[in-house]
C-alpha atoms as a PDB file:
ATOM      1  CA  MET A   1       3.605  44.754 -42.857  1.00  0.00           C
ATOM      2  CA  ARG A   2       5.966  42.335 -41.109  1.00  0.00           C
ATOM      3  CA  GLY A   3       3.485  41.452 -38.323  1.00  0.00           C
ATOM      4  CA  PRO A   4       0.908  39.627 -40.494  1.00  0.00           C
ATOM      5  CA  LYS A   5       3.697  37.735 -42.257  1.00  0.00           C
ATOM      6  CA  VAL A   6       5.035  36.419 -38.969  1.00  0.00           C
ATOM      7  CA  ILE A   7       1.550  35.358 -37.901  1.00  0.00           C
ATOM      8  CA  ALA A   8       0.944  33.648 -41.206  1.00  0.00           C
ATOM      9  CA  ASP A   9       4.273  31.846 -40.954  1.00  0.00           C
ATOM     10  CA  GLY A  10       3.431  30.779 -37.407  1.00  0.00           C
ATOM     11  CA  GLU A  11       0.081  29.388 -38.508  1.00  0.00           C
ATOM     12  CA  GLY A  12       1.782  27.523 -41.327  1.00  0.00           C
ATOM     13  CA  ILE A  13       4.229  25.983 -38.901  1.00  0.00           C
ATOM     14  CA  LEU A  14       1.411  24.901 -36.579  1.00  0.00           C
ATOM     15  CA  ARG A  15      -0.512  23.372 -39.468  1.00  0.00           C
ATOM     16  CA  GLY A  16       2.589  21.446 -40.511  1.00  0.00           C
ATOM     17  CA  LEU A  17       3.168  19.832 -37.107  1.00  0.00           C
ATOM     18  CA  ASP A  18       2.321  16.167 -36.614  1.00  0.00           C
ATOM     19  CA  PRO A  19      -0.247  15.646 -33.779  1.00  0.00           C
ATOM     20  CA  VAL A  20       1.940  12.848 -32.416  1.00  0.00           C
ATOM     21  CA  THR A  21       4.876  15.286 -32.179  1.00  0.00           C
ATOM     22  CA  LEU A  22       2.696  17.707 -30.218  1.00  0.00           C
ATOM     23  CA  ALA A  23       1.628  14.887 -27.880  1.00  0.00           C
ATOM     24  CA  SER A  24       5.171  13.736 -27.054  1.00  0.00           C
ATOM     25  CA  PRO A  25       7.741  16.303 -25.886  1.00  0.00           C
ATOM     26  CA  LEU A  26      10.506  13.705 -26.324  1.00  0.00           C
ATOM     27  CA  GLN A  27      10.031  13.657 -30.089  1.00  0.00           C
ATOM     28  CA  SER A  28      10.743  17.388 -30.399  1.00  0.00           C
ATOM     29  CA  VAL A  29      14.104  17.134 -28.631  1.00  0.00           C
ATOM     30  CA  PRO A  30      16.124  16.203 -31.784  1.00  0.00           C
ATOM     31  CA  ASP A  31      14.864  19.364 -33.520  1.00  0.00           C
ATOM     32  CA  ALA A  32      16.820  21.462 -31.042  1.00  0.00           C
ATOM     33  CA  VAL A  33      20.106  19.787 -31.985  1.00  0.00           C
ATOM     34  CA  GLY A  34      20.423  21.832 -35.163  1.00  0.00           C
ATOM     35  CA  GLU A  35      20.263  25.059 -33.152  1.00  0.00           C
ATOM     36  CA  LEU A  36      23.442  24.180 -31.187  1.00  0.00           C
ATOM     37  CA  PRO A  37      26.866  25.248 -32.527  1.00  0.00           C
ATOM     38  CA  GLY A  38      29.917  23.131 -33.219  1.00  0.00           C
ATOM     39  CA  VAL A  39      30.370  19.670 -31.828  1.00  0.00           C
ATOM     40  CA  LEU A  40      27.128  19.872 -29.818  1.00  0.00           C
ATOM     41  CA  GLN A  41      25.274  19.312 -33.076  1.00  0.00           C
ATOM     42  CA  GLU A  42      26.334  15.676 -32.893  1.00  0.00           C
ATOM     43  CA  PRO A  43      23.357  13.689 -31.545  1.00  0.00           C
ATOM     44  CA  TRP A  44      25.515  11.381 -29.446  1.00  0.00           C
ATOM     45  CA  VAL A  45      27.126  14.361 -27.663  1.00  0.00           C
ATOM     46  CA  LEU A  46      23.778  15.830 -26.728  1.00  0.00           C
ATOM     47  CA  ALA A  47      22.503  12.384 -25.727  1.00  0.00           C
ATOM     48  CA  ALA A  48      25.479  11.917 -23.402  1.00  0.00           C
ATOM     49  CA  PHE A  49      24.892  15.388 -21.963  1.00  0.00           C
ATOM     50  CA  VAL A  50      21.228  14.539 -21.270  1.00  0.00           C
ATOM     51  CA  LEU A  51      22.260  11.286 -19.581  1.00  0.00           C
ATOM     52  CA  VAL A  52      24.730  13.064 -17.292  1.00  0.00           C
ATOM     53  CA  ILE A  53      22.229  15.762 -16.351  1.00  0.00           C
ATOM     54  CA  GLY A  54      19.416  13.220 -15.884  1.00  0.00           C
ATOM     55  CA  PHE A  55      21.439  10.858 -13.705  1.00  0.00           C
ATOM     56  CA  GLY A  56      22.780  13.739 -11.618  1.00  0.00           C
ATOM     57  CA  PHE A  57      19.305  15.187 -11.123  1.00  0.00           C
ATOM     58  CA  GLY A  58      17.904  11.730 -10.313  1.00  0.00           C
ATOM     59  CA  LEU A  59      20.589  11.174  -7.671  1.00  0.00           C
ATOM     60  CA  LEU A  60      19.852  14.539  -6.054  1.00  0.00           C
ATOM     61  CA  MET A  61      16.091  13.912  -6.089  1.00  0.00           C
ATOM     62  CA  GLY A  62      16.579  10.513  -4.470  1.00  0.00           C
ATOM     63  CA  GLN A  63      18.594  12.020  -1.618  1.00  0.00           C
ATOM     64  CA  PHE A  64      16.099  14.864  -1.222  1.00  0.00           C
ATOM     65  CA  ASN A  65      13.116  12.498  -1.082  1.00  0.00           C
ATOM     66  CA  LYS A  66      14.904  10.255   1.429  1.00  0.00           C
ATOM     67  CA  ARG A  67      15.454  13.202   3.756  1.00  0.00           C
ATOM     68  CA  LEU A  68      11.892  14.385   3.217  1.00  0.00           C
ATOM     69  CA  LEU A  69      10.402  10.965   4.043  1.00  0.00           C
ATOM     70  CA  THR A  70      12.605  10.725   7.121  1.00  0.00           C
ATOM     71  CA  ALA A  71      11.572  14.204   8.263  1.00  0.00           C
ATOM     72  CA  VAL A  72       7.840  13.434   8.041  1.00  0.00           C
ATOM     73  CA  GLY A  73       8.242  10.290  10.167  1.00  0.00           C
ATOM     74  CA  VAL A  74       7.903   7.496   7.616  1.00  0.00           C
ATOM     75  CA  PRO A  75      10.613   5.286   9.274  1.00  0.00           C
ATOM     76  CA  GLU A  76       8.670   5.302  12.550  1.00  0.00           C
ATOM     77  CA  ALA A  77       5.400   4.609  10.744  1.00  0.00           C
ATOM     78  CA  VAL A  78       6.717   1.475   8.972  1.00  0.00           C
ATOM     79  CA  GLU A  79       8.812   0.204  11.877  1.00  0.00           C
ATOM     80  CA  GLY A  80       8.032  -3.413  12.731  1.00  0.00           C
ATOM     81  CA  THR A  81       6.186  -4.212   9.492  1.00  0.00           C
ATOM     82  CA  ALA A  82       7.057  -7.328   7.527  1.00  0.00           C
ATOM     83  CA  PHE A  83       8.004  -5.244   4.486  1.00  0.00           C
ATOM     84  CA  GLU A  84      10.461  -3.180   6.550  1.00  0.00           C
ATOM     85  CA  ARG A  85      11.995  -6.316   8.073  1.00  0.00           C
ATOM     86  CA  THR A  86      12.398  -7.832   4.612  1.00  0.00           C
ATOM     87  CA  ALA A  87      13.965  -4.626   3.308  1.00  0.00           C
ATOM     88  CA  GLN A  88      16.405  -4.512   6.232  1.00  0.00           C
ATOM     89  CA  SER A  89      17.387  -8.127   5.646  1.00  0.00           C
ATOM     90  CA  LEU A  90      18.360  -7.072   2.111  1.00  0.00           C
ATOM     91  CA  GLY A  91      20.462  -4.214   3.433  1.00  0.00           C
ATOM     92  CA  THR A  92      18.009  -1.424   2.658  1.00  0.00           C
ATOM     93  CA  SER A  93      14.836   0.129   4.078  1.00  0.00           C
ATOM     94  CA  THR A  94      11.349   1.187   3.021  1.00  0.00           C
ATOM     95  CA  VAL A  95      12.366   4.841   2.915  1.00  0.00           C
ATOM     96  CA  THR A  96      15.375   4.034   0.742  1.00  0.00           C
ATOM     97  CA  ILE A  97      13.227   2.028  -1.681  1.00  0.00           C
ATOM     98  CA  LEU A  98      10.669   4.836  -2.003  1.00  0.00           C
ATOM     99  CA  ALA A  99      13.442   7.397  -2.537  1.00  0.00           C
ATOM    100  CA  ARG A 100      15.155   5.237  -5.144  1.00  0.00           C
ATOM    101  CA  LEU A 101      11.881   4.848  -7.036  1.00  0.00           C
ATOM    102  CA  SER A 102      11.904   8.577  -7.755  1.00  0.00           C
ATOM    103  CA  SER A 103      15.531   8.350  -8.880  1.00  0.00           C
ATOM    104  CA  TRP A 104      14.822   5.365 -11.124  1.00  0.00           C
ATOM    105  CA  PHE A 105      11.920   7.221 -12.718  1.00  0.00           C
ATOM    106  CA  ILE A 106      14.183  10.153 -13.610  1.00  0.00           C
ATOM    107  CA  TYR A 107      16.889   7.747 -14.847  1.00  0.00           C
ATOM    108  CA  ALA A 108      14.347   6.061 -17.125  1.00  0.00           C
ATOM    109  CA  VAL A 109      13.176   9.397 -18.544  1.00  0.00           C
ATOM    110  CA  ALA A 110      16.802  10.456 -19.161  1.00  0.00           C
ATOM    111  CA  ILE A 111      17.623   7.183 -20.934  1.00  0.00           C
ATOM    112  CA  ILE A 112      14.515   7.418 -23.113  1.00  0.00           C
ATOM    113  CA  ALA A 113      15.322  11.037 -23.998  1.00  0.00           C
ATOM    114  CA  ALA A 114      18.951  10.158 -24.818  1.00  0.00           C
ATOM    115  CA  ILE A 115      17.957   7.263 -27.056  1.00  0.00           C
ATOM    116  CA  ASN A 116      15.466   9.486 -28.821  1.00  0.00           C
ATOM    117  CA  ILE A 117      18.047  12.271 -29.298  1.00  0.00           C
ATOM    118  CA  ALA A 118      20.603   9.803 -30.664  1.00  0.00           C
ATOM    119  CA  GLN A 119      17.862   8.563 -33.015  1.00  0.00           C
ATOM    120  CA  LEU A 120      18.595   4.928 -32.221  1.00  0.00           C
ATOM    121  CA  ILE A 121      14.888   4.212 -32.604  1.00  0.00           C
ATOM    122  CA  SER A 122      12.900   6.468 -34.897  1.00  0.00           C
ATOM    123  CA  THR A 123       9.418   4.965 -34.578  1.00  0.00           C
ATOM    124  CA  GLU A 124       7.179   7.809 -33.460  1.00  0.00           C
ATOM    125  CA  ASN A 125       4.399   5.588 -32.154  1.00  0.00           C
ATOM    126  CA  PHE A 126       6.929   3.683 -30.050  1.00  0.00           C
ATOM    127  CA  TRP A 127       8.068   6.819 -28.250  1.00  0.00           C
ATOM    128  CA  ALA A 128       4.512   8.001 -27.786  1.00  0.00           C
ATOM    129  CA  ARG A 129       3.676   4.706 -26.033  1.00  0.00           C
ATOM    130  CA  VAL A 130       6.873   4.746 -23.968  1.00  0.00           C
ATOM    131  CA  ALA A 131       6.336   8.340 -22.859  1.00  0.00           C
ATOM    132  CA  GLY A 132       2.851   7.432 -21.677  1.00  0.00           C
ATOM    133  CA  PHE A 133       3.783   4.093 -20.078  1.00  0.00           C
ATOM    134  CA  VAL A 134       6.774   5.109 -17.940  1.00  0.00           C
ATOM    135  CA  PRO A 135       4.839   7.434 -15.570  1.00  0.00           C
ATOM    136  CA  GLN A 136       2.049   4.866 -15.263  1.00  0.00           C
ATOM    137  CA  ALA A 137       4.524   2.098 -14.456  1.00  0.00           C
ATOM    138  CA  PHE A 138       6.199   4.306 -11.840  1.00  0.00           C
ATOM    139  CA  ILE A 139       2.870   5.058 -10.148  1.00  0.00           C
ATOM    140  CA  ALA A 140       1.903   1.362 -10.281  1.00  0.00           C
ATOM    141  CA  ILE A 141       5.154   0.300  -8.569  1.00  0.00           C
ATOM    142  CA  LEU A 142       4.687   3.021  -5.970  1.00  0.00           C
ATOM    143  CA  ILE A 143       1.140   1.798  -5.285  1.00  0.00           C
ATOM    144  CA  VAL A 144       2.397  -1.773  -4.779  1.00  0.00           C
ATOM    145  CA  VAL A 145       5.141  -0.679  -2.359  1.00  0.00           C
ATOM    146  CA  VAL A 146       2.756   1.517  -0.378  1.00  0.00           C
ATOM    147  CA  GLY A 147       0.207  -1.312  -0.446  1.00  0.00           C
ATOM    148  CA  PHE A 148       2.695  -3.702   1.171  1.00  0.00           C
ATOM    149  CA  VAL A 149       3.524  -1.163   3.876  1.00  0.00           C
ATOM    150  CA  VAL A 150      -0.124  -0.353   4.604  1.00  0.00           C
ATOM    151  CA  ALA A 151      -1.043  -4.065   4.620  1.00  0.00           C
ATOM    152  CA  ASP A 152       1.704  -4.896   7.124  1.00  0.00           C
ATOM    153  CA  LYS A 153       0.744  -1.950   9.311  1.00  0.00           C
ATOM    154  CA  ALA A 154      -2.937  -2.938   9.199  1.00  0.00           C
ATOM    155  CA  GLU A 155      -2.029  -6.501  10.200  1.00  0.00           C
ATOM    156  CA  LEU A 156      -0.036  -5.238  13.206  1.00  0.00           C
ATOM    157  CA  LEU A 157      -2.813  -2.862  14.238  1.00  0.00           C
ATOM    158  CA  VAL A 158      -5.520  -5.517  14.072  1.00  0.00           C
ATOM    159  CA  SER A 159      -3.289  -7.999  15.935  1.00  0.00           C
ATOM    160  CA  GLU A 160      -2.786  -5.499  18.746  1.00  0.00           C
ATOM    161  CA  ARG A 161      -6.514  -4.799  18.945  1.00  0.00           C
ATOM    162  CA  LEU A 162      -7.341  -8.506  19.162  1.00  0.00           C
ATOM    163  CA  ARG A 163      -4.470  -9.440  21.480  1.00  0.00           C
ATOM    164  CA  GLY A 164      -6.752  -9.496  24.505  1.00  0.00           C
ATOM    165  CA  VAL A 165      -9.235 -11.813  22.804  1.00  0.00           C
ATOM    166  CA  LYS A 166      -8.286 -15.369  23.820  1.00  0.00           C
ATOM    167  CA  LEU A 167     -10.240 -17.132  21.119  1.00  0.00           C
ATOM    168  CA  PRO A 168      -8.652 -19.109  18.261  1.00  0.00           C
ATOM    169  CA  GLU A 169     -11.380 -18.009  15.854  1.00  0.00           C
ATOM    170  CA  VAL A 170      -9.917 -14.510  15.600  1.00  0.00           C
ATOM    171  CA  ASN A 171      -6.345 -15.523  14.766  1.00  0.00           C
ATOM    172  CA  PHE A 172      -6.966 -15.415  11.020  1.00  0.00           C
ATOM    173  CA  VAL A 173      -8.418 -11.881  11.048  1.00  0.00           C
ATOM    174  CA  PRO A 174      -5.086  -9.952  10.895  1.00  0.00           C
ATOM    175  CA  ARG A 175      -3.840 -11.921   7.867  1.00  0.00           C
ATOM    176  CA  LEU A 176      -7.240 -11.581   6.233  1.00  0.00           C
ATOM    177  CA  VAL A 177      -6.982  -7.803   6.556  1.00  0.00           C
ATOM    178  CA  LYS A 178      -3.413  -7.845   5.200  1.00  0.00           C
ATOM    179  CA  TYR A 179      -4.176  -9.857   2.074  1.00  0.00           C
ATOM    180  CA  SER A 180      -7.353  -7.860   1.430  1.00  0.00           C
ATOM    181  CA  VAL A 181      -5.326  -4.633   1.369  1.00  0.00           C
ATOM    182  CA  LEU A 182      -2.714  -6.257  -0.898  1.00  0.00           C
ATOM    183  CA  TYR A 183      -5.389  -7.476  -3.306  1.00  0.00           C
ATOM    184  CA  VAL A 184      -6.848  -3.980  -3.615  1.00  0.00           C
ATOM    185  CA  ALA A 185      -3.358  -2.486  -4.080  1.00  0.00           C
ATOM    186  CA  PHE A 186      -2.510  -4.910  -6.894  1.00  0.00           C
ATOM    187  CA  LEU A 187      -5.911  -4.267  -8.457  1.00  0.00           C
ATOM    188  CA  VAL A 188      -5.307  -0.512  -8.511  1.00  0.00           C
ATOM    189  CA  ALA A 189      -1.731  -0.986  -9.804  1.00  0.00           C
ATOM    190  CA  LEU A 190      -2.846  -3.211 -12.675  1.00  0.00           C
ATOM    191  CA  GLY A 191      -5.536  -0.726 -13.616  1.00  0.00           C
ATOM    192  CA  GLN A 192      -2.904   2.029 -13.612  1.00  0.00           C
ATOM    193  CA  ILE A 193      -0.843   0.315 -16.343  1.00  0.00           C
ATOM    194  CA  GLY A 194      -3.893  -0.362 -18.484  1.00  0.00           C
ATOM    195  CA  VAL A 195      -4.673  -3.983 -17.594  1.00  0.00           C
ATOM    196  CA  GLN A 196      -8.354  -4.828 -17.864  1.00  0.00           C
ATOM    197  CA  THR A 197      -9.447  -5.425 -14.271  1.00  0.00           C
ATOM    198  CA  LEU A 198     -13.143  -6.119 -14.749  1.00  0.00           C
ATOM    199  CA  ALA A 199     -12.667  -9.823 -14.060  1.00  0.00           C
ATOM    200  CA  LEU A 200     -10.521  -9.023 -11.023  1.00  0.00           C
ATOM    201  CA  VAL A 201     -13.165  -6.637  -9.699  1.00  0.00           C
ATOM    202  CA  ALA A 202     -15.764  -9.377 -10.066  1.00  0.00           C
ATOM    203  CA  LEU A 203     -13.389 -11.742  -8.284  1.00  0.00           C
ATOM    204  CA  LEU A 204     -13.022  -9.155  -5.522  1.00  0.00           C
ATOM    205  CA  ALA A 205     -16.795  -9.084  -5.080  1.00  0.00           C
ATOM    206  CA  VAL A 206     -16.861 -12.888  -4.837  1.00  0.00           C
ATOM    207  CA  TYR A 207     -13.948 -12.744  -2.402  1.00  0.00           C
ATOM    208  CA  ALA A 208     -15.743 -10.210  -0.203  1.00  0.00           C
ATOM    209  CA  LEU A 209     -18.881 -12.348  -0.174  1.00  0.00           C
ATOM    210  CA  ALA A 210     -16.832 -15.429   0.723  1.00  0.00           C
ATOM    211  CA  VAL A 211     -15.129 -13.518   3.539  1.00  0.00           C
ATOM    212  CA  VAL A 212     -18.482 -12.457   4.962  1.00  0.00           C
ATOM    213  CA  LEU A 213     -19.861 -16.016   4.841  1.00  0.00           C
ATOM    214  CA  PHE A 214     -16.677 -17.540   6.251  1.00  0.00           C
ATOM    215  CA  ALA A 215     -16.468 -14.920   8.982  1.00  0.00           C
ATOM    216  CA  GLY A 216     -20.077 -15.573   9.899  1.00  0.00           C
ATOM    217  CA  LEU A 217     -19.367 -19.289  10.306  1.00  0.00           C
ATOM    218  CA  ALA A 218     -15.929 -18.988  11.917  1.00  0.00           C
ATOM    219  CA  LEU A 219     -16.915 -16.209  14.287  1.00  0.00           C
ATOM    220  CA  GLN A 220     -20.263 -17.654  15.280  1.00  0.00           C
ATOM    221  CA  ASP A 221     -19.019 -18.506  18.763  1.00  0.00           C
ATOM    222  CA  PHE A 222     -17.171 -15.194  18.983  1.00  0.00           C
ATOM    223  CA  LEU A 223     -20.292 -13.225  18.103  1.00  0.00           C
ATOM    224  CA  SER A 224     -22.424 -15.209  20.544  1.00  0.00           C
ATOM    225  CA  SER A 225     -19.822 -14.611  23.271  1.00  0.00           C
ATOM    226  CA  GLY A 226     -19.909 -10.906  22.444  1.00  0.00           C
ATOM    227  CA  ALA A 227     -23.678 -10.794  22.706  1.00  0.00           C
ATOM    228  CA  ALA A 228     -23.502 -12.670  26.019  1.00  0.00           C
ATOM    229  CA  GLY A 229     -20.805 -10.253  27.218  1.00  0.00           C
ATOM    230  CA  VAL A 230     -23.055  -7.270  26.503  1.00  0.00           C
ATOM    231  CA  TYR A 231     -25.810  -8.893  28.572  1.00  0.00           C
ATOM    232  CA  LEU A 232     -23.452  -9.659  31.480  1.00  0.00           C
ATOM    233  CA  LEU A 233     -21.957  -6.156  31.490  1.00  0.00           C
ATOM    234  CA  LEU A 234     -25.401  -4.585  31.543  1.00  0.00           C
ATOM    235  CA  ASN A 235     -26.869  -6.822  34.276  1.00  0.00           C
ATOM    236  CA  GLN A 236     -23.657  -7.486  36.243  1.00  0.00           C
ATOM    237  CA  PRO A 237     -24.623 -10.748  37.983  1.00  0.00           C
ATOM    238  CA  TYR A 238     -21.081 -10.804  39.383  1.00  0.00           C
ATOM    239  CA  GLY A 239     -18.158  -8.421  39.616  1.00  0.00           C
ATOM    240  CA  ILE A 240     -14.401  -8.396  39.957  1.00  0.00           C
ATOM    241  CA  GLY A 241     -13.387  -9.968  43.265  1.00  0.00           C
ATOM    242  CA  ASP A 242     -16.505 -12.161  43.558  1.00  0.00           C
ATOM    243  CA  GLU A 243     -16.063 -15.883  44.061  1.00  0.00           C
ATOM    244  CA  VAL A 244     -18.060 -17.752  41.437  1.00  0.00           C
ATOM    245  CA  GLU A 245     -18.607 -21.247  40.136  1.00  0.00           C
ATOM    246  CA  ILE A 246     -19.118 -21.702  36.411  1.00  0.00           C
ATOM    247  CA  GLY A 247     -19.642 -25.308  35.389  1.00  0.00           C
ATOM    248  CA  ASP A 248     -16.872 -27.291  37.018  1.00  0.00           C
ATOM    249  CA  ARG A 249     -14.622 -24.240  37.475  1.00  0.00           C
ATOM    250  CA  ARG A 250     -14.526 -22.254  40.687  1.00  0.00           C
ATOM    251  CA  GLY A 251     -12.480 -19.213  41.568  1.00  0.00           C
ATOM    252  CA  VAL A 252     -12.328 -15.460  42.003  1.00  0.00           C
ATOM    253  CA  VAL A 253     -13.243 -13.186  39.112  1.00  0.00           C
ATOM    254  CA  GLN A 254     -10.136 -11.251  38.026  1.00  0.00           C
ATOM    255  CA  GLY A 255     -11.567  -9.505  35.001  1.00  0.00           C
ATOM    256  CA  MET A 256     -14.262  -9.535  32.376  1.00  0.00           C
ATOM    257  CA  ASP A 257     -14.789  -7.976  28.976  1.00  0.00           C
ATOM    258  CA  ILE A 258     -17.276  -8.281  26.196  1.00  0.00           C
ATOM    259  CA  VAL A 259     -15.966 -11.691  25.089  1.00  0.00           C
ATOM    260  CA  VAL A 260     -14.457 -13.571  28.054  1.00  0.00           C
ATOM    261  CA  THR A 261     -14.381 -13.706  31.843  1.00  0.00           C
ATOM    262  CA  ARG A 262     -11.165 -14.494  33.721  1.00  0.00           C
ATOM    263  CA  VAL A 263     -11.413 -16.562  36.880  1.00  0.00           C
ATOM    264  CA  GLU A 264      -8.402 -17.455  39.061  1.00  0.00           C
ATOM    265  CA  ASN A 265      -8.083 -20.276  41.583  1.00  0.00           C
ATOM    266  CA  ASP A 266      -4.915 -21.549  43.309  1.00  0.00           C
ATOM    267  CA  GLY A 267      -2.593 -19.962  40.770  1.00  0.00           C
ATOM    268  CA  GLU A 268      -4.628 -21.174  37.785  1.00  0.00           C
ATOM    269  CA  GLU A 269      -6.445 -18.730  35.558  1.00  0.00           C
ATOM    270  CA  TYR A 270      -9.528 -19.866  33.660  1.00  0.00           C
ATOM    271  CA  ILE A 271     -10.516 -17.872  30.564  1.00  0.00           C
ATOM    272  CA  ILE A 272     -14.173 -18.644  30.037  1.00  0.00           C
ATOM    273  CA  PRO A 273     -16.117 -17.450  26.975  1.00  0.00           C
ATOM    274  CA  ASN A 274     -19.176 -15.489  28.039  1.00  0.00           C
ATOM    275  CA  ARG A 275     -21.453 -17.681  25.933  1.00  0.00           C
ATOM    276  CA  LYS A 276     -20.594 -20.640  28.180  1.00  0.00           C
ATOM    277  CA  ILE A 277     -21.529 -18.600  31.230  1.00  0.00           C
ATOM    278  CA  ILE A 278     -24.961 -17.985  29.733  1.00  0.00           C
ATOM    279  CA  GLN A 279     -25.307 -21.636  28.708  1.00  0.00           C
ATOM    280  CA  GLU A 280     -24.070 -23.240  31.947  1.00  0.00           C
ATOM    281  CA  GLY A 281     -25.074 -20.538  34.369  1.00  0.00           C
ATOM    282  CA  VAL A 282     -23.026 -18.929  37.108  1.00  0.00           C
ATOM    283  CA  VAL A 283     -23.127 -19.417  40.879  1.00  0.00           C
ATOM    284  CA  ARG A 284     -21.924 -16.555  43.037  1.00  0.00           C
ATOM    285  CA  ILE A 285     -20.611 -17.890  46.307  1.00  0.00           C
ATOM    286  CA  ARG A 286     -21.268 -15.837  49.435  1.00  0.00           C
ATOM    287  CA  GLU A 287     -19.478 -16.582  52.691  1.00  0.00           C
END
């Protein structure tokens, strides 16, 4: 006889709950205050207790995440990036910033819970929005930080790949890659916090089209030199160690790649784009 009564009471309780209260765990915290004996029934005491526990847990999580990021090799991965240099100039590091983000997230949750327990703000819709916004804001900040690190690393990688290319047309490519990665990171971060990004996505499409057109114009000579380099490497009209004359330059071939040919004469090294070799012709000198 007691079983059905308990079930009925449970169903009545469920029917009496506000959907907003079910959606936000923070709003149900004050209900537990009445179950605590003595002085702990005071909301400010429980709020202070939640703050102490939250800040202590946040501090421990920050230290744990810092050790974890160090163990997986994040400091070596971000070494030399502009973001890491900026962080070090401020007396911190990328790993420390990422670890502190997790601590700050826990601090924010603890503060929100304490304010809600103390009933300083009783607007239910406010807490529902805050409870949904804080995780999104944390993820958005994390995306921006990671975006800066990845952008700097991509710039360094592209610079190293193009270091052997002695053409001024390619100098802008590393920064173009960096700012493209940053743009995408900010776009994703804004979308994470609920900002309408349709216009930004359209702007990204226009930006990509502009990059393609600009690259086609700026790298016209580079692409023609590359095509000429493929022809020269396949046919090999000259080789390393041959004495050649290209236009008004004469010397011994020291090296050649898909873009340029290096010719040395009396301590002077000439770096000649392969397209000029096709245009002006090459004379191989035999003695």
